[in-house]
């Protein structure tokens, strides 16, 4: 008899992924299975199609950061709903398809595009990027509209608005232009609308002859020592969990998506060489990354609250079960942290207040910066400490750099020691910049969280 899947068991399965695919039955919900592959994990329901002898395997969602993502509790609820339909002689597959044909809203259409096109053709990292663009740039602008109503002018205004930014009636910048994001949004929209037309979801593709945004100029923004001090102070002032997330970005030099989507199962916090292992499916270049953890980073991680997610009882009348959230940064226990734009605004305001207090100047200004600039600041800081370029790129998990061509093929050194030394030197420099001079002060700086 299958044993009920627990969060601890899922974490163990994900940590030791099989070379092929492994299907694990959930004894807590008959018919529900977790299918784990080398790069992905998804929930399926097995049932016999009503009125036939056909055995059906229906995918109901993904596990982890690949959306639509379902935790254990939600997967069981979705499985119960599907099997209830079967008990009433209704096939869940047909119900899903009929609903999609009736309601091709923006949300439905792009979810179809990801599920039926992107997942079949793209790598896991590209799927994650596409989903992030859809949820961050497209859905908020067109939410609730039918895909058939989107016009050429709608697309132009969306892409140009991202590239040019936004100003208030007085001409003050409200949102900085993001040319690189505009290029990516346009590319995704072009593919999506071509697919919508090919599948007869729309009668005509409105994307024809839309101008490609100008190539973006590479950013070179790094935070100064004073700005790092203001940033560090601001991180204490913003709501959980964004202050800790921002500090981890600066200290590790990893990408925002990698930090915000980090899971406890990826970390080895004990031993002489603690580390954070990021699977290739979560990195931009698809290569596994191992990040040595410095004492400063460990200090943050060991103080993070372990968020609990309420689970449904396995049997009627059994006590309510609390399972630990798999993500290190989550506000609801069901999904990784999100809402970065609002968090950035809070940090910006807190930095201004810290700068005013430090300088005594009420009109002090801080030039615009992004979360990605923290990664560049870390890289620049390590380079300034004399860390070799190829080691900095190993820390950042960059493919390009000093070692390329044939040398790159034969060089399989993981630079673990060099990366640990580089990140330790950088973290110690940050300590000196923000005024931390001892381990005791490091602990008091972060403070206790209740």
Protein backbone atom coordinates (compact mmCIF):
# COMPACT_ATOMS: atom_id res chain seq x y z
CA UNK A 1 0.00 0.00 0.00
CA UNK A 2 1.34 3.42 -0.96
CA UNK A 3 2.42 5.70 1.88
CA UNK A 4 1.16 9.29 2.02
CA UNK A 5 3.65 11.69 0.48
CA UNK A 6 5.06 14.27 2.90
CA UNK A 7 6.97 17.48 2.26
CA UNK A 8 10.08 15.89 3.73
CA UNK A 9 9.81 13.00 1.28
CA UNK A 10 9.35 15.38 -1.66
CA UNK A 11 12.45 17.35 -0.65
CA UNK A 12 14.45 14.13 -0.50
CA UNK A 13 13.22 12.99 -3.91
CA UNK A 14 14.06 16.33 -5.51
CA UNK A 15 17.52 16.35 -3.96
CA UNK A 16 18.35 12.94 -5.46
CA UNK A 17 16.73 13.19 -8.89
CA UNK A 18 16.72 10.09 -11.12
CA UNK A 19 18.40 9.93 -14.53
CA UNK A 20 15.05 9.07 -16.10
CA UNK A 21 11.56 9.51 -14.68
CA UNK A 22 10.25 8.24 -11.37
CA UNK A 23 6.56 8.04 -10.49
CA UNK A 24 5.67 8.16 -6.79
CA UNK A 25 2.13 7.33 -5.65
CA UNK A 26 0.52 9.41 -2.91
CA UNK A 27 -1.16 7.16 -0.38
CA UNK A 28 -2.90 10.24 1.02
CA UNK A 29 -4.89 10.67 -2.20
CA UNK A 30 -5.52 7.57 -4.34
CA UNK A 31 -4.92 8.23 -8.02
CA UNK A 32 -2.44 11.07 -7.42
CA UNK A 33 1.20 10.67 -8.44
CA UNK A 34 4.29 12.87 -8.36
CA UNK A 35 6.41 12.32 -11.47
CA UNK A 36 10.02 13.41 -10.97
CA UNK A 37 12.45 13.78 -13.86
CA UNK A 38 16.02 15.05 -14.16
CA UNK A 39 14.81 18.65 -14.65
CA UNK A 40 11.12 18.86 -13.73
CA UNK A 41 8.49 17.49 -11.37
CA UNK A 42 4.76 17.35 -12.05
CA UNK A 43 1.54 16.03 -10.55
CA UNK A 44 -0.63 13.58 -12.49
CA UNK A 45 -3.93 11.83 -11.85
CA UNK A 46 -4.58 8.33 -13.17
CA UNK A 47 -8.14 7.20 -13.85
CA UNK A 48 -10.22 5.14 -16.28
CA UNK A 49 -12.10 7.30 -18.80
CA UNK A 50 -15.87 7.10 -18.17
CA UNK A 51 -17.65 4.58 -20.39
CA UNK A 52 -14.40 3.10 -21.73
CA UNK A 53 -11.56 0.81 -20.70
CA UNK A 54 -8.99 3.51 -21.49
CA UNK A 55 -6.57 4.32 -18.69
CA UNK A 56 -5.86 8.06 -18.65
CA UNK A 57 -2.93 10.00 -17.24
CA UNK A 58 -3.93 13.65 -16.71
CA UNK A 59 -1.35 16.30 -15.77
CA UNK A 60 -2.86 18.68 -13.22
CA UNK A 61 0.14 20.91 -12.48
CA UNK A 62 3.83 21.20 -11.73
CA UNK A 63 5.70 21.04 -8.46
CA UNK A 64 8.29 23.71 -7.67
CA UNK A 65 8.82 27.07 -9.35
CA UNK A 66 7.59 26.07 -12.85
CA UNK A 67 4.07 27.46 -13.11
CA UNK A 68 1.28 26.50 -12.87
CA UNK A 69 2.81 25.23 -9.63
CA UNK A 70 0.88 23.16 -7.08
CA UNK A 71 1.96 22.31 -3.57
CA UNK A 72 1.00 18.99 -2.00
CA UNK A 73 -2.24 20.35 -0.52
CA UNK A 74 -3.44 21.95 -3.78
CA UNK A 75 -2.44 18.89 -5.82
CA UNK A 76 -4.63 16.68 -3.62
CA UNK A 77 -7.56 19.07 -4.00
CA UNK A 78 -7.14 19.12 -7.79
CA UNK A 79 -6.96 15.32 -7.87
CA UNK A 80 -10.12 15.04 -5.76
CA UNK A 81 -11.96 17.37 -8.15
CA UNK A 82 -10.85 15.39 -11.21
CA UNK A 83 -11.82 12.04 -9.70
CA UNK A 84 -15.17 13.43 -8.54
CA UNK A 85 -15.91 14.34 -12.17
CA UNK A 86 -15.02 10.77 -13.21
CA UNK A 87 -17.40 9.37 -10.58
CA UNK A 88 -20.16 11.39 -12.25
CA UNK A 89 -19.23 9.94 -15.67
CA UNK A 90 -17.54 13.18 -16.79
CA UNK A 91 -14.05 13.17 -18.27
CA UNK A 92 -11.91 15.97 -16.72
CA UNK A 93 -10.00 16.32 -19.99
CA UNK A 94 -13.10 17.30 -21.93
CA UNK A 95 -14.23 19.74 -19.25
CA UNK A 96 -10.86 21.50 -19.35
CA UNK A 97 -10.83 21.79 -23.15
CA UNK A 98 -14.43 23.04 -23.30
CA UNK A 99 -13.71 25.72 -20.71
CA UNK A 100 -10.66 26.88 -22.63
CA UNK A 101 -12.60 27.16 -25.90
CA UNK A 102 -15.32 29.22 -24.22
CA UNK A 103 -13.06 31.62 -22.33
CA UNK A 104 -9.90 32.58 -24.13
CA UNK A 105 -8.98 35.41 -21.82
CA UNK A 106 -5.43 36.70 -21.80
CA UNK A 107 -4.68 34.52 -18.79
CA UNK A 108 -6.14 31.38 -20.42
CA UNK A 109 -4.52 31.98 -23.81
CA UNK A 110 -1.01 32.50 -22.45
CA UNK A 111 -1.39 29.56 -20.05
CA UNK A 112 -2.27 27.44 -23.12
CA UNK A 113 0.75 28.81 -24.96
CA UNK A 114 3.09 27.83 -22.13
CA UNK A 115 1.54 24.41 -21.57
CA UNK A 116 1.10 23.30 -25.19
CA UNK A 117 3.92 25.14 -26.97
CA UNK A 118 6.65 26.29 -24.60
CA UNK A 119 6.81 23.10 -22.53
CA UNK A 120 7.06 20.98 -25.67
CA UNK A 121 9.84 23.02 -27.29
CA UNK A 122 11.80 24.93 -24.66
CA UNK A 123 14.22 24.15 -21.87
CA UNK A 124 13.03 24.50 -18.28
CA UNK A 125 14.91 27.78 -17.81
CA UNK A 126 13.26 29.31 -20.90
CA UNK A 127 9.85 28.16 -19.67
CA UNK A 128 10.48 29.90 -16.34
CA UNK A 129 11.58 33.08 -18.11
CA UNK A 130 8.51 33.05 -20.36
CA UNK A 131 6.18 32.58 -17.42
CA UNK A 132 7.86 35.40 -15.51
CA UNK A 133 7.48 37.78 -18.47
CA UNK A 134 3.83 36.83 -18.91
CA UNK A 135 2.98 37.33 -15.23
CA UNK A 136 5.07 40.48 -14.76
CA UNK A 137 4.66 42.37 -18.04
CA UNK A 138 1.67 41.07 -20.02
CA UNK A 139 -1.11 39.86 -17.72
CA UNK A 140 -1.18 42.97 -15.45
CA UNK A 141 -1.64 45.22 -18.50
CA UNK A 142 -4.30 43.14 -20.28
CA UNK A 143 -5.86 41.18 -17.42
CA UNK A 144 -9.40 39.93 -18.09
CA UNK A 145 -9.47 40.88 -21.77
CA UNK A 146 -10.22 38.32 -24.45
CA UNK A 147 -7.19 37.45 -26.55
CA UNK A 148 -9.22 38.19 -29.70
CA UNK A 149 -9.60 41.84 -28.60
CA UNK A 150 -5.87 42.62 -28.56
CA UNK A 151 -4.95 44.97 -31.40
CA UNK A 152 -1.73 46.03 -33.07
CA UNK A 153 -1.94 49.34 -31.18
CA UNK A 154 -2.26 47.50 -27.84
CA UNK A 155 0.97 45.64 -28.56
CA UNK A 156 2.84 48.78 -29.65
CA UNK A 157 1.76 50.66 -26.52
CA UNK A 158 2.77 47.77 -24.26
CA UNK A 159 6.24 47.32 -25.79
CA UNK A 160 6.97 51.05 -26.12
CA UNK A 161 5.78 51.70 -22.57
CA UNK A 162 8.25 49.17 -21.20
CA UNK A 163 11.11 50.53 -23.34
CA UNK A 164 10.46 54.23 -22.65
CA UNK A 165 9.33 54.12 -19.01
CA UNK A 166 6.71 56.41 -17.51
CA UNK A 167 6.66 60.06 -16.46
CA UNK A 168 4.13 62.04 -14.44
CA UNK A 169 2.42 65.23 -15.77
CA UNK A 170 5.36 67.30 -14.47
CA UNK A 171 7.84 65.26 -16.48
CA UNK A 172 9.31 63.45 -13.48
CA UNK A 173 10.33 59.84 -14.02
CA UNK A 174 7.85 57.47 -12.37
CA UNK A 175 9.23 54.27 -13.90
CA UNK A 176 12.58 53.92 -15.63
CA UNK A 177 12.65 52.66 -19.21
CA UNK A 178 13.68 49.02 -19.61
CA UNK A 179 14.81 48.49 -23.21
CA UNK A 180 16.14 44.99 -22.60
CA UNK A 181 12.83 43.90 -21.10
CA UNK A 182 11.00 45.44 -24.07
CA UNK A 183 13.06 43.34 -26.49
CA UNK A 184 12.25 40.17 -24.55
CA UNK A 185 8.54 40.98 -24.27
CA UNK A 186 8.31 41.67 -27.99
CA UNK A 187 10.03 38.38 -28.85
CA UNK A 188 7.68 36.42 -26.60
CA UNK A 189 4.58 38.19 -27.93
CA UNK A 190 5.66 37.50 -31.50
CA UNK A 191 5.94 33.76 -30.83
CA UNK A 192 2.74 33.63 -28.80
CA UNK A 193 0.54 35.45 -31.32
CA UNK A 194 1.93 33.38 -34.19
CA UNK A 195 0.95 30.28 -32.22
CA UNK A 196 -2.50 31.70 -31.40
CA UNK A 197 -3.10 32.29 -35.11
CA UNK A 198 -1.82 28.82 -36.08
CA UNK A 199 -4.20 27.23 -33.56
CA UNK A 200 -7.15 29.40 -34.74
CA UNK A 201 -7.42 30.98 -31.31
CA UNK A 202 -7.34 34.34 -33.12
CA UNK A 203 -8.53 35.01 -36.67
CA UNK A 204 -5.66 37.32 -37.62
CA UNK A 205 -2.23 37.96 -36.17
CA UNK A 206 -2.02 41.64 -35.10
CA UNK A 207 1.74 41.40 -34.68
CA UNK A 208 2.75 41.94 -38.29
CA UNK A 209 5.27 44.72 -39.09
CA UNK A 210 5.67 45.87 -35.48
CA UNK A 211 9.04 47.59 -35.12
CA UNK A 212 11.74 45.92 -33.05
CA UNK A 213 12.80 48.11 -30.06
CA UNK A 214 16.27 49.62 -30.24
CA UNK A 215 19.05 47.42 -28.89
CA UNK A 216 19.56 48.25 -25.21
CA UNK A 217 22.78 49.76 -23.95
CA UNK A 218 24.55 47.49 -21.46
CA UNK A 219 24.16 48.71 -17.87
CA UNK A 220 27.25 49.48 -15.83
CA UNK A 221 25.60 50.62 -12.59
CA UNK A 222 27.26 49.53 -9.36
CA UNK A 223 26.49 50.78 -5.87
CA UNK A 224 29.09 52.98 -4.20
CA UNK A 225 30.29 52.29 -0.66
CA UNK A 226 27.92 54.96 0.69
CA UNK A 227 25.02 53.46 -1.26
CA UNK A 228 25.85 50.00 0.10
CA UNK A 229 25.64 51.44 3.62
CA UNK A 230 22.27 53.05 2.86
CA UNK A 231 21.07 49.83 1.19
CA UNK A 232 22.11 47.70 4.16
CA UNK A 233 20.27 49.99 6.55
CA UNK A 234 17.21 50.05 4.28
CA UNK A 235 17.08 46.25 4.22
CA UNK A 236 16.31 46.34 7.95
CA UNK A 237 13.41 48.72 7.40
CA UNK A 238 11.43 46.89 4.72
CA UNK A 239 8.86 44.19 5.32
CA UNK A 240 9.81 40.52 5.53
CA UNK A 241 11.11 38.77 3.46
CA UNK A 242 12.46 41.40 1.06
CA UNK A 243 15.25 42.78 3.25
CA UNK A 244 16.81 39.34 3.67
CA UNK A 245 16.32 38.59 -0.03
CA UNK A 246 18.08 41.83 -1.00
CA UNK A 247 21.03 41.15 1.32
CA UNK A 248 21.37 37.63 -0.07
CA UNK A 249 21.47 39.08 -3.59
CA UNK A 250 24.34 41.38 -2.64
CA UNK A 251 26.34 38.81 -0.66
CA UNK A 252 26.01 35.86 -3.08
CA UNK A 253 25.98 37.65 -6.45
CA UNK A 254 23.31 35.26 -7.74
CA UNK A 255 20.32 36.23 -9.89
CA UNK A 256 17.05 37.41 -8.39
CA UNK A 257 15.10 34.41 -9.72
CA UNK A 258 17.65 32.02 -8.21
CA UNK A 259 17.52 33.65 -4.77
CA UNK A 260 13.77 34.27 -4.64
CA UNK A 261 13.03 30.71 -5.79
CA UNK A 262 15.59 29.01 -3.53
CA UNK A 263 14.34 25.94 -1.67
CA UNK A 264 15.54 24.53 1.64
CA UNK A 265 16.38 21.23 -0.08
CA UNK A 266 19.08 23.03 -2.09
CA UNK A 267 21.10 24.00 1.00
CA UNK A 268 23.69 22.14 3.05
CA UNK A 269 24.05 24.37 6.10
CA UNK A 270 26.12 22.04 8.29
CA UNK A 271 29.73 20.92 8.02
CA UNK A 272 32.97 22.72 7.29
CA UNK A 273 31.97 23.76 3.77
CA UNK A 274 28.28 24.74 3.71
CA UNK A 275 26.91 25.32 0.23
CA UNK A 276 23.88 26.07 -1.90
CA UNK A 277 23.36 23.84 -4.96
CA UNK A 278 21.14 25.27 -7.71
CA UNK A 279 19.90 22.78 -10.31
CA UNK A 280 20.41 23.61 -13.97
CA UNK A 281 16.65 23.94 -14.48
CA UNK A 282 16.74 27.03 -12.24
CA UNK A 283 19.78 28.77 -13.72
CA UNK A 284 19.76 31.06 -16.73
CA UNK A 285 22.35 29.08 -18.70
CA UNK A 286 21.07 25.64 -17.68
CA UNK A 287 24.27 24.75 -15.82
CA UNK A 288 24.22 23.56 -12.22
CA UNK A 289 25.68 26.13 -9.85
CA UNK A 290 27.20 25.55 -6.42
CA UNK A 291 27.47 28.64 -4.22
CA UNK A 292 29.75 28.40 -1.16
CA UNK A 293 28.03 29.91 1.87
CA UNK A 294 29.94 32.48 3.91
CA UNK A 295 29.30 33.02 7.64
CA UNK A 296 27.43 36.22 6.77
CA UNK A 297 25.05 34.34 4.47
CA UNK A 298 24.65 31.50 6.97
CA UNK A 299 23.72 34.08 9.59
CA UNK A 300 20.82 35.21 7.41
CA UNK A 301 19.70 31.71 6.44
CA UNK A 302 19.70 30.29 9.95
CA UNK A 303 17.51 33.16 11.14
CA UNK A 304 14.90 32.87 8.41
CA UNK A 305 11.50 31.81 9.78
CA UNK A 306 10.30 28.40 8.63
CA UNK A 307 6.91 29.25 7.13
CA UNK A 308 4.23 26.58 7.52
CA UNK A 309 1.56 25.74 4.98
CA UNK A 310 -1.78 24.47 6.20
CA UNK A 311 -2.60 21.07 4.74
CA UNK A 312 -5.91 19.28 4.47
CA UNK A 313 -6.35 16.23 6.74
CA UNK A 314 -5.63 12.90 5.08
CA UNK A 315 -8.80 11.45 6.54
CA UNK A 316 -12.00 13.05 7.70
CA UNK A 317 -11.81 13.85 11.39
CA UNK A 318 -8.02 13.65 11.56
CA UNK A 319 -6.13 16.62 13.06
CA UNK A 320 -5.09 19.47 10.76
CA UNK A 321 -1.56 18.84 9.52
CA UNK A 322 1.06 21.58 9.14
CA UNK A 323 3.75 21.03 6.52
CA UNK A 324 6.86 23.12 6.10
CA UNK A 325 7.08 25.44 3.10
CA UNK A 326 9.80 24.26 0.68
CA UNK A 327 10.94 27.81 -0.21
CA UNK A 328 13.29 29.80 2.00
CA UNK A 329 11.49 33.05 1.13
CA UNK A 330 7.69 32.88 1.15
CA UNK A 331 4.95 34.98 2.66
CA UNK A 332 2.14 32.43 2.34
CA UNK A 333 3.86 29.05 2.51
CA UNK A 334 2.39 28.06 -0.86
CA UNK A 335 4.53 29.99 -3.37
CA UNK A 336 7.97 31.61 -3.46
CA UNK A 337 8.22 35.32 -2.70
CA UNK A 338 6.96 37.79 -5.33
CA UNK A 339 6.02 41.47 -5.52
CA UNK A 340 9.52 42.73 -6.28
CA UNK A 341 8.52 46.12 -7.72
CA UNK A 342 6.77 47.18 -4.53
CA UNK A 343 9.66 45.88 -2.43
CA UNK A 344 12.14 47.85 -4.54
CA UNK A 345 10.13 51.03 -4.00
CA UNK A 346 10.19 50.43 -0.24
CA UNK A 347 13.96 49.89 -0.27
CA UNK A 348 14.48 53.02 -2.40
CA UNK A 349 12.52 55.14 0.07
CA UNK A 350 14.33 53.66 3.06
CA UNK A 351 17.69 54.31 1.35
CA UNK A 352 16.77 57.96 0.82
CA UNK A 353 15.86 58.27 4.50
CA UNK A 354 19.15 56.64 5.52
CA UNK A 355 21.07 58.98 3.20
CA UNK A 356 19.31 62.05 4.60
CA UNK A 357 20.14 60.97 8.14
CA UNK A 358 23.78 60.27 7.27
CA UNK A 359 24.41 63.45 5.26
CA UNK A 360 22.05 65.91 6.89
CA UNK A 361 20.91 66.88 3.40
CA UNK A 362 17.10 66.70 2.95
CA UNK A 363 17.49 66.98 -0.84
CA UNK A 364 19.94 64.09 -1.25
CA UNK A 365 19.27 61.84 -4.26
CA UNK A 366 20.28 58.30 -5.14
CA UNK A 367 20.57 57.31 -8.79
CA UNK A 368 18.24 54.56 -9.96
CA UNK A 369 19.47 51.00 -9.49
CA UNK A 370 17.97 47.55 -10.01
CA UNK A 371 18.18 44.28 -8.11
CA UNK A 372 20.42 42.98 -10.91
CA UNK A 373 22.85 45.84 -10.16
CA UNK A 374 23.51 44.18 -6.79
CA UNK A 375 24.95 41.23 -8.73
CA UNK A 376 27.14 43.60 -10.74
CA UNK A 377 28.19 45.35 -7.53
CA UNK A 378 29.29 42.02 -6.05
CA UNK A 379 31.25 41.15 -9.20
CA UNK A 380 32.91 44.57 -9.29
CA UNK A 381 33.73 44.33 -5.60
CA UNK A 382 35.40 40.94 -5.99
CA UNK A 383 37.38 42.19 -8.99
CA UNK A 384 38.50 45.19 -6.93
CA UNK A 385 39.77 42.79 -4.27
CA UNK A 386 42.02 41.13 -6.85
CA UNK A 387 39.87 38.07 -7.57
CA UNK A 388 40.74 36.63 -11.00
CA UNK A 389 38.18 37.23 -13.75
CA UNK A 390 37.55 33.52 -14.35
CA UNK A 391 36.84 33.01 -10.63
CA UNK A 392 34.39 35.94 -10.58
CA UNK A 393 32.63 34.39 -13.57
CA UNK A 394 32.54 31.03 -11.79
CA UNK A 395 30.85 32.75 -8.84
CA UNK A 396 28.33 34.34 -11.23
CA UNK A 397 27.89 31.11 -13.23
CA UNK A 398 28.80 32.88 -16.46
CA UNK A 399 29.79 30.87 -19.54
CA UNK A 400 31.89 33.56 -21.20
CA UNK A 401 35.22 34.87 -19.97
CA UNK A 402 38.89 34.02 -19.76
CA UNK A 403 38.49 30.28 -20.32
CA UNK A 404 36.83 29.43 -23.63
CA UNK A 405 37.14 27.25 -26.71
CA UNK A 406 39.13 24.03 -26.36
CA UNK A 407 40.37 25.06 -22.92
CA UNK A 408 36.80 25.29 -21.68
CA UNK A 409 36.05 21.78 -22.96
CA UNK A 410 38.92 20.23 -21.02
CA UNK A 411 38.79 22.42 -17.92
CA UNK A 412 36.45 20.71 -15.46
CA UNK A 413 37.79 22.31 -12.28
CA UNK A 414 34.81 23.52 -10.22
CA UNK A 415 36.72 26.37 -8.51
CA UNK A 416 34.96 25.55 -5.23
CA UNK A 417 37.87 26.73 -3.06
CA UNK A 418 38.46 29.84 -5.15
CA UNK A 419 34.76 30.73 -5.13
CA UNK A 420 34.59 30.33 -1.35
CA UNK A 421 37.62 32.58 -0.88
CA UNK A 422 36.21 35.20 -3.28
CA UNK A 423 32.78 35.30 -1.65
CA UNK A 424 34.34 35.39 1.83
CA UNK A 425 36.55 38.33 0.85
CA UNK A 426 33.54 40.13 -0.63
CA UNK A 427 31.34 39.49 2.42
CA UNK A 428 34.11 40.72 4.72
CA UNK A 429 34.42 43.87 2.62
CA UNK A 430 30.67 44.46 2.91
CA UNK A 431 31.05 44.03 6.68
CA UNK A 432 33.70 46.74 6.75
CA UNK A 433 31.65 49.06 4.54
CA UNK A 434 28.51 48.78 6.68
CA UNK A 435 30.46 48.94 9.94
CA UNK A 436 30.45 45.33 11.12
CA UNK A 437 33.72 44.47 12.85
CA UNK A 438 33.01 41.24 14.72
CA UNK A 439 30.85 38.14 14.56
CA UNK A 440 28.90 39.35 17.56
CA UNK A 441 28.02 42.56 15.75
CA UNK A 442 27.02 40.67 12.63
CA UNK A 443 24.40 38.81 14.63
CA UNK A 444 23.08 41.93 16.34
CA UNK A 445 22.92 43.76 13.01
CA UNK A 446 20.38 41.32 11.59
CA UNK A 447 18.45 41.24 14.84
CA UNK A 448 15.90 38.74 16.07
CA UNK A 449 12.68 38.27 14.13
CA UNK A 450 9.51 37.43 15.91
